[in-house]
Amino acid sequence: MTTCKIGLIGAGGRSGQYATYYQDYDDIEVVAMVDPIEEHRKLTIKNAGLKPDCKEYSDWLKMLDDNQDLDGVIITTPKIGRAHV
């Protein structure tokens, strides 16, 4: 079975919902998360039950550059923060 590797941009409530939801699927893995606030990233990773090796970033471009094998990216930032992503 092939695993779909996902990156999340944003670590707020919606991101946590997606991350938790994806835990129900063996073929989806959240491998990276971006948020400018480190505490938000750590809390979302912990509360969603993501693997401890989920990579954390404060810059979405760096995440994309470091994880070119991602199958998808979910943008969960507020509307005002999405325009530049």
Protein backbone atom coordinates (compact mmCIF):
# COMPACT_ATOMS: atom_id res chain seq x y z
CA MET A 1 0.00 0.00 0.00
CA THR A 2 1.29 3.45 -0.90
CA THR A 3 1.14 6.15 1.77
CA CYS A 4 -0.03 9.62 0.79
CA LYS A 5 2.30 12.17 2.44
CA ILE A 6 0.59 15.39 3.48
CA GLY A 7 1.91 18.75 4.70
CA LEU A 8 -0.28 21.13 6.70
CA ILE A 9 0.08 24.89 6.51
CA GLY A 10 -1.36 26.37 9.67
CA ALA A 11 -1.61 24.78 13.10
CA GLY A 12 -4.86 26.14 14.43
CA GLY A 13 -8.19 24.44 15.08
CA ARG A 14 -8.95 23.45 11.50
CA SER A 15 -5.47 22.00 11.02
CA GLY A 16 -5.92 19.93 14.17
CA GLN A 17 -9.23 18.62 12.84
CA TYR A 18 -7.65 17.54 9.56
CA ALA A 19 -4.65 15.99 11.31
CA THR A 20 -6.88 14.05 13.69
CA TYR A 21 -9.14 12.92 10.85
CA TYR A 22 -6.19 11.62 8.82
CA GLN A 23 -5.10 9.42 11.72
CA ASP A 24 -8.02 7.12 10.88
CA TYR A 25 -6.42 6.22 7.54
CA ASP A 26 -3.45 3.89 7.19
CA ASP A 27 -2.61 5.28 3.77
CA ILE A 28 -2.38 8.97 4.79
CA GLU A 29 0.41 10.43 6.90
CA VAL A 30 0.92 14.04 7.95
CA VAL A 31 4.69 14.38 7.66
CA ALA A 32 5.16 18.14 8.01
CA MET A 33 3.45 21.14 9.58
CA VAL A 34 3.99 24.87 9.20
CA ASP A 35 3.00 27.61 11.61
CA PRO A 36 4.91 30.72 12.68
CA ILE A 37 4.17 29.93 16.34
CA GLU A 38 6.14 26.96 17.63
CA GLU A 39 3.75 26.29 20.52
CA HIS A 40 0.83 25.95 18.09
CA ARG A 41 2.73 23.41 15.99
CA LYS A 42 3.75 21.33 19.00
CA LEU A 43 0.26 21.40 20.52
CA THR A 44 -1.45 20.39 17.27
CA ILE A 45 1.03 17.56 16.66
CA LYS A 46 0.51 16.29 20.21
CA ASN A 47 -3.29 16.66 20.32
CA ALA A 48 -3.80 15.08 16.89
CA GLY A 49 -1.60 12.13 17.80
CA LEU A 50 0.81 12.70 14.94
CA LYS A 51 4.09 10.84 14.88
CA PRO A 52 6.85 12.57 16.86
CA ASP A 53 8.98 12.75 13.72
CA CYS A 54 6.45 15.05 12.01
CA LYS A 55 8.68 17.86 10.74
CA GLU A 56 7.96 21.36 12.01
CA TYR A 57 8.51 24.57 10.07
CA SER A 58 7.85 28.26 10.53
CA ASP A 59 8.21 28.95 6.77
CA TRP A 60 5.97 27.21 4.23
CA LEU A 61 8.48 27.64 1.41
CA LYS A 62 11.11 25.84 3.48
CA MET A 63 8.65 23.01 4.14
CA LEU A 64 7.97 22.62 0.41
CA ASP A 65 11.67 22.78 -0.41
CA ASP A 66 12.61 20.17 2.21
CA ASN A 67 9.70 17.82 1.38
CA GLN A 68 9.51 17.66 -2.39
CA ASP A 69 8.01 14.17 -2.13
CA LEU A 70 4.76 15.47 -0.59
CA ASP A 71 1.63 14.21 -2.31
CA GLY A 72 -0.48 17.10 -1.08
CA VAL A 73 -0.61 20.25 1.03
CA ILE A 74 -3.61 21.42 3.03
CA ILE A 75 -3.77 25.17 3.70
CA THR A 76 -5.69 25.85 6.90
CA THR A 77 -4.65 29.43 7.59
CA PRO A 78 -7.27 32.16 8.08
CA LYS A 79 -8.48 33.76 4.85
CA ILE A 80 -6.39 36.86 5.43
CA GLY A 81 -3.21 34.76 5.59
CA ARG A 82 -3.83 32.64 2.49
CA ALA A 83 -3.25 35.13 -0.29
CA HIS A 84 0.53 34.85 -0.26
CA VAL A 85 0.56 31.03 0.12
